[in-house]
């Protein structure tokens, strides 16, 4: 079964990605005003895990190697700038994410890179398979970034309890 996606849907998905990125940027900047908790760190990747349900539909299936490479690219390369720009600080016994000037630019840059790569990859595989590949890339990126945040959170809260 071959599914044809109308061109207006591609525009809709691209605009949707930009809106979601702007929303994520707004939420991240606003979140830096509230204390960080373990729950706030682990819920995003847990929630994102539901996206694996897409692989039930045969049109989303991709070779294991493609999935492994996409996940690895997200894990190794896309998470790196997020990890480097994420810092915590202790204020009145609570952990807060430090606002870094470059964080917004990093998110915008990652979005732009993702959109360009999406257009290139989409020329070789179906739109639905492209969605699968980029979901795995994003999952690898988010998972590593959140594990990094959890490690840093535990390090700084360990200092709090030790000191």
C-alpha atoms as a PDB file:
ATOM      1  CA  UNK A   1       0.000   0.000   0.000  1.00  0.00           C
ATOM      2  CA  UNK A   2       1.573   3.251  -1.153  1.00  0.00           C
ATOM      3  CA  UNK A   3       0.358   6.431   0.539  1.00  0.00           C
ATOM      4  CA  UNK A   4       0.678   9.711  -1.334  1.00  0.00           C
ATOM      5  CA  UNK A   5       0.907  12.801   0.835  1.00  0.00           C
ATOM      6  CA  UNK A   6      -0.386  16.008  -0.793  1.00  0.00           C
ATOM      7  CA  UNK A   7       2.165  18.830  -1.049  1.00  0.00           C
ATOM      8  CA  UNK A   8       0.072  21.110   1.169  1.00  0.00           C
ATOM      9  CA  UNK A   9       0.513  18.550   3.963  1.00  0.00           C
ATOM     10  CA  UNK A  10       4.293  18.956   3.719  1.00  0.00           C
ATOM     11  CA  UNK A  11       3.873  22.706   4.145  1.00  0.00           C
ATOM     12  CA  UNK A  12       1.503  22.088   7.061  1.00  0.00           C
ATOM     13  CA  UNK A  13       4.016  19.759   8.745  1.00  0.00           C
ATOM     14  CA  UNK A  14       6.883  22.226   8.232  1.00  0.00           C
ATOM     15  CA  UNK A  15       4.862  25.121   9.642  1.00  0.00           C
ATOM     16  CA  UNK A  16       3.772  22.835  12.495  1.00  0.00           C
ATOM     17  CA  UNK A  17       7.420  22.032  13.266  1.00  0.00           C
ATOM     18  CA  UNK A  18       8.268  25.740  13.360  1.00  0.00           C
ATOM     19  CA  UNK A  19       5.322  26.489  15.650  1.00  0.00           C
ATOM     20  CA  UNK A  20       6.282  23.581  17.941  1.00  0.00           C
ATOM     21  CA  UNK A  21       9.884  24.811  18.062  1.00  0.00           C
ATOM     22  CA  UNK A  22       8.739  28.332  18.942  1.00  0.00           C
ATOM     23  CA  UNK A  23       6.479  26.889  21.625  1.00  0.00           C
ATOM     24  CA  UNK A  24       9.333  24.744  22.989  1.00  0.00           C
ATOM     25  CA  UNK A  25      11.602  27.790  23.061  1.00  0.00           C
ATOM     26  CA  UNK A  26       8.974  29.832  24.908  1.00  0.00           C
ATOM     27  CA  UNK A  27       8.346  27.032  27.417  1.00  0.00           C
ATOM     28  CA  UNK A  28      12.080  26.455  28.012  1.00  0.00           C
ATOM     29  CA  UNK A  29      12.734  30.139  28.619  1.00  0.00           C
ATOM     30  CA  UNK A  30       9.740  30.408  30.943  1.00  0.00           C
ATOM     31  CA  UNK A  31      10.729  27.202  32.781  1.00  0.00           C
ATOM     32  CA  UNK A  32      14.036  28.745  33.809  1.00  0.00           C
ATOM     33  CA  UNK A  33      12.072  30.876  36.279  1.00  0.00           C
ATOM     34  CA  UNK A  34      10.837  27.805  38.181  1.00  0.00           C
ATOM     35  CA  UNK A  35      12.854  25.208  40.092  1.00  0.00           C
ATOM     36  CA  UNK A  36      13.916  22.056  38.270  1.00  0.00           C
ATOM     37  CA  UNK A  37      12.739  18.696  39.621  1.00  0.00           C
ATOM     38  CA  UNK A  38      13.467  15.108  38.658  1.00  0.00           C
ATOM     39  CA  UNK A  39       9.874  14.816  37.463  1.00  0.00           C
ATOM     40  CA  UNK A  40      10.279  17.811  35.118  1.00  0.00           C
ATOM     41  CA  UNK A  41      13.439  16.260  33.706  1.00  0.00           C
ATOM     42  CA  UNK A  42      12.144  12.748  33.018  1.00  0.00           C
ATOM     43  CA  UNK A  43       8.561  13.397  31.857  1.00  0.00           C
ATOM     44  CA  UNK A  44       9.414  14.752  28.336  1.00  0.00           C
ATOM     45  CA  UNK A  45      11.284  11.652  27.127  1.00  0.00           C
ATOM     46  CA  UNK A  46       8.701   9.389  28.788  1.00  0.00           C
ATOM     47  CA  UNK A  47       5.904  11.252  27.036  1.00  0.00           C
ATOM     48  CA  UNK A  48       7.774  11.133  23.762  1.00  0.00           C
ATOM     49  CA  UNK A  49       8.098   7.357  24.075  1.00  0.00           C
ATOM     50  CA  UNK A  50       4.453   7.056  23.021  1.00  0.00           C
ATOM     51  CA  UNK A  51       5.612   8.087  19.538  1.00  0.00           C
ATOM     52  CA  UNK A  52       7.040   4.605  19.060  1.00  0.00           C
ATOM     53  CA  UNK A  53       3.423   3.576  18.460  1.00  0.00           C
ATOM     54  CA  UNK A  54       3.832   4.912  14.906  1.00  0.00           C
ATOM     55  CA  UNK A  55       5.875   1.835  14.076  1.00  0.00           C
ATOM     56  CA  UNK A  56       2.739  -0.299  14.358  1.00  0.00           C
ATOM     57  CA  UNK A  57       1.684   1.117  10.987  1.00  0.00           C
ATOM     58  CA  UNK A  58       3.647  -0.637   8.193  1.00  0.00           C
ATOM     59  CA  UNK A  59       4.160   2.587   6.190  1.00  0.00           C
ATOM     60  CA  UNK A  60       6.309   3.951   9.017  1.00  0.00           C
ATOM     61  CA  UNK A  61       8.622   0.921   9.026  1.00  0.00           C
ATOM     62  CA  UNK A  62      12.270   1.587   8.256  1.00  0.00           C
ATOM     63  CA  UNK A  63      15.306  -0.689   8.191  1.00  0.00           C
ATOM     64  CA  UNK A  64      16.917  -1.198  11.617  1.00  0.00           C
ATOM     65  CA  UNK A  65      20.166   0.336  10.369  1.00  0.00           C
ATOM     66  CA  UNK A  66      18.392   3.579   9.399  1.00  0.00           C
ATOM     67  CA  UNK A  67      16.805   3.733  12.837  1.00  0.00           C
ATOM     68  CA  UNK A  68      20.076   3.030  14.614  1.00  0.00           C
ATOM     69  CA  UNK A  69      21.914   5.687  12.591  1.00  0.00           C
ATOM     70  CA  UNK A  70      19.161   8.277  13.169  1.00  0.00           C
ATOM     71  CA  UNK A  71      19.133   7.594  16.920  1.00  0.00           C
ATOM     72  CA  UNK A  72      22.959   7.728  17.047  1.00  0.00           C
ATOM     73  CA  UNK A  73      23.073  11.052  15.165  1.00  0.00           C
ATOM     74  CA  UNK A  74      20.582  12.527  17.635  1.00  0.00           C
ATOM     75  CA  UNK A  75      22.427  11.026  20.604  1.00  0.00           C
ATOM     76  CA  UNK A  76      25.939  12.002  19.516  1.00  0.00           C
ATOM     77  CA  UNK A  77      25.570  15.225  17.546  1.00  0.00           C
ATOM     78  CA  UNK A  78      22.236  16.948  18.082  1.00  0.00           C
ATOM     79  CA  UNK A  79      22.299  16.567  21.878  1.00  0.00           C
ATOM     80  CA  UNK A  80      25.824  17.969  22.204  1.00  0.00           C
ATOM     81  CA  UNK A  81      24.946  21.685  21.907  1.00  0.00           C
ATOM     82  CA  UNK A  82      21.993  21.217  24.268  1.00  0.00           C
ATOM     83  CA  UNK A  83      24.210  19.539  26.844  1.00  0.00           C
ATOM     84  CA  UNK A  84      26.829  22.281  26.522  1.00  0.00           C
ATOM     85  CA  UNK A  85      24.262  25.062  26.964  1.00  0.00           C
ATOM     86  CA  UNK A  86      22.399  23.517  29.902  1.00  0.00           C
ATOM     87  CA  UNK A  87      23.645  24.568  33.311  1.00  0.00           C
ATOM     88  CA  UNK A  88      22.024  24.519  36.703  1.00  0.00           C
ATOM     89  CA  UNK A  89      22.453  26.829  39.650  1.00  0.00           C
ATOM     90  CA  UNK A  90      21.442  26.556  43.269  1.00  0.00           C
ATOM     91  CA  UNK A  91      19.273  29.414  44.557  1.00  0.00           C
ATOM     92  CA  UNK A  92      17.880  29.315  48.095  1.00  0.00           C
ATOM     93  CA  UNK A  93      18.235  25.542  48.262  1.00  0.00           C
ATOM     94  CA  UNK A  94      16.460  24.919  44.952  1.00  0.00           C
ATOM     95  CA  UNK A  95      17.907  24.002  41.562  1.00  0.00           C
ATOM     96  CA  UNK A  96      17.208  26.308  38.617  1.00  0.00           C
ATOM     97  CA  UNK A  97      18.239  26.096  34.973  1.00  0.00           C
ATOM     98  CA  UNK A  98      20.601  28.958  34.194  1.00  0.00           C
ATOM     99  CA  UNK A  99      19.519  31.105  31.300  1.00  0.00           C
ATOM    100  CA  UNK A 100      22.208  30.989  28.679  1.00  0.00           C
ATOM    101  CA  UNK A 101      22.308  33.474  25.858  1.00  0.00           C
ATOM    102  CA  UNK A 102      23.044  30.841  23.247  1.00  0.00           C
ATOM    103  CA  UNK A 103      20.254  28.405  24.154  1.00  0.00           C
ATOM    104  CA  UNK A 104      17.605  30.071  21.986  1.00  0.00           C
ATOM    105  CA  UNK A 105      20.050  30.272  19.073  1.00  0.00           C
ATOM    106  CA  UNK A 106      20.948  26.612  19.525  1.00  0.00           C
ATOM    107  CA  UNK A 107      17.284  25.564  19.391  1.00  0.00           C
ATOM    108  CA  UNK A 108      16.693  27.711  16.308  1.00  0.00           C
ATOM    109  CA  UNK A 109      19.844  26.348  14.665  1.00  0.00           C
ATOM    110  CA  UNK A 110      18.859  22.749  15.404  1.00  0.00           C
ATOM    111  CA  UNK A 111      15.410  23.413  13.935  1.00  0.00           C
ATOM    112  CA  UNK A 112      16.885  24.939  10.782  1.00  0.00           C
ATOM    113  CA  UNK A 113      19.303  22.025  10.380  1.00  0.00           C
ATOM    114  CA  UNK A 114      16.484  19.552  10.952  1.00  0.00           C
ATOM    115  CA  UNK A 115      14.288  21.240   8.324  1.00  0.00           C
ATOM    116  CA  UNK A 116      17.088  21.206   5.740  1.00  0.00           C
ATOM    117  CA  UNK A 117      17.952  17.570   6.464  1.00  0.00           C
ATOM    118  CA  UNK A 118      14.266  16.670   6.358  1.00  0.00           C
ATOM    119  CA  UNK A 119      13.934  18.097   2.844  1.00  0.00           C
ATOM    120  CA  UNK A 120      17.018  16.195   1.668  1.00  0.00           C
ATOM    121  CA  UNK A 121      16.038  12.857   3.211  1.00  0.00           C
ATOM    122  CA  UNK A 122      12.452  13.174   1.986  1.00  0.00           C
ATOM    123  CA  UNK A 123      13.707  13.043  -1.612  1.00  0.00           C
ATOM    124  CA  UNK A 124      14.902   9.466  -1.101  1.00  0.00           C
ATOM    125  CA  UNK A 125      12.328   7.874   1.193  1.00  0.00           C
ATOM    126  CA  UNK A 126       8.607   8.324   1.823  1.00  0.00           C
ATOM    127  CA  UNK A 127       7.276  11.168   3.945  1.00  0.00           C
ATOM    128  CA  UNK A 128       6.126   8.691   6.600  1.00  0.00           C
ATOM    129  CA  UNK A 129       9.509   6.959   6.728  1.00  0.00           C
ATOM    130  CA  UNK A 130      11.148  10.386   6.948  1.00  0.00           C
ATOM    131  CA  UNK A 131       8.929  11.027   9.971  1.00  0.00           C
ATOM    132  CA  UNK A 132      10.165   7.786  11.522  1.00  0.00           C
ATOM    133  CA  UNK A 133      13.810   8.668  10.932  1.00  0.00           C
ATOM    134  CA  UNK A 134      13.441  12.152  12.402  1.00  0.00           C
ATOM    135  CA  UNK A 135      11.419  10.892  15.349  1.00  0.00           C
ATOM    136  CA  UNK A 136      14.297   8.547  16.239  1.00  0.00           C
ATOM    137  CA  UNK A 137      16.825  11.346  15.751  1.00  0.00           C
ATOM    138  CA  UNK A 138      14.826  13.626  18.054  1.00  0.00           C
ATOM    139  CA  UNK A 139      14.332  10.838  20.588  1.00  0.00           C
ATOM    140  CA  UNK A 140      18.076  10.163  20.737  1.00  0.00           C
ATOM    141  CA  UNK A 141      18.734  13.886  21.186  1.00  0.00           C
ATOM    142  CA  UNK A 142      16.113  14.407  23.898  1.00  0.00           C
ATOM    143  CA  UNK A 143      16.993  11.206  25.776  1.00  0.00           C
ATOM    144  CA  UNK A 144      20.695  12.028  26.008  1.00  0.00           C
ATOM    145  CA  UNK A 145      20.024  15.662  26.919  1.00  0.00           C
ATOM    146  CA  UNK A 146      17.593  14.687  29.681  1.00  0.00           C
ATOM    147  CA  UNK A 147      19.955  12.026  31.042  1.00  0.00           C
ATOM    148  CA  UNK A 148      22.663  14.701  31.123  1.00  0.00           C
ATOM    149  CA  UNK A 149      20.268  17.038  32.964  1.00  0.00           C
ATOM    150  CA  UNK A 150      19.403  14.298  35.454  1.00  0.00           C
ATOM    151  CA  UNK A 151      23.100  13.632  36.113  1.00  0.00           C
ATOM    152  CA  UNK A 152      23.781  17.348  36.619  1.00  0.00           C
ATOM    153  CA  UNK A 153      20.704  17.719  38.828  1.00  0.00           C
ATOM    154  CA  UNK A 154      21.833  14.817  41.014  1.00  0.00           C
ATOM    155  CA  UNK A 155      25.355  16.245  41.164  1.00  0.00           C
ATOM    156  CA  UNK A 156      24.161  19.656  42.295  1.00  0.00           C
ATOM    157  CA  UNK A 157      21.594  18.286  44.762  1.00  0.00           C
ATOM    158  CA  UNK A 158      24.269  15.941  46.099  1.00  0.00           C
ATOM    159  CA  UNK A 159      26.409  19.014  46.793  1.00  0.00           C
ATOM    160  CA  UNK A 160      23.447  20.586  48.543  1.00  0.00           C
ATOM    161  CA  UNK A 161      22.991  17.597  50.849  1.00  0.00           C
ATOM    162  CA  UNK A 162      26.736  17.153  51.368  1.00  0.00           C
ATOM    163  CA  UNK A 163      27.290  20.830  52.171  1.00  0.00           C
END
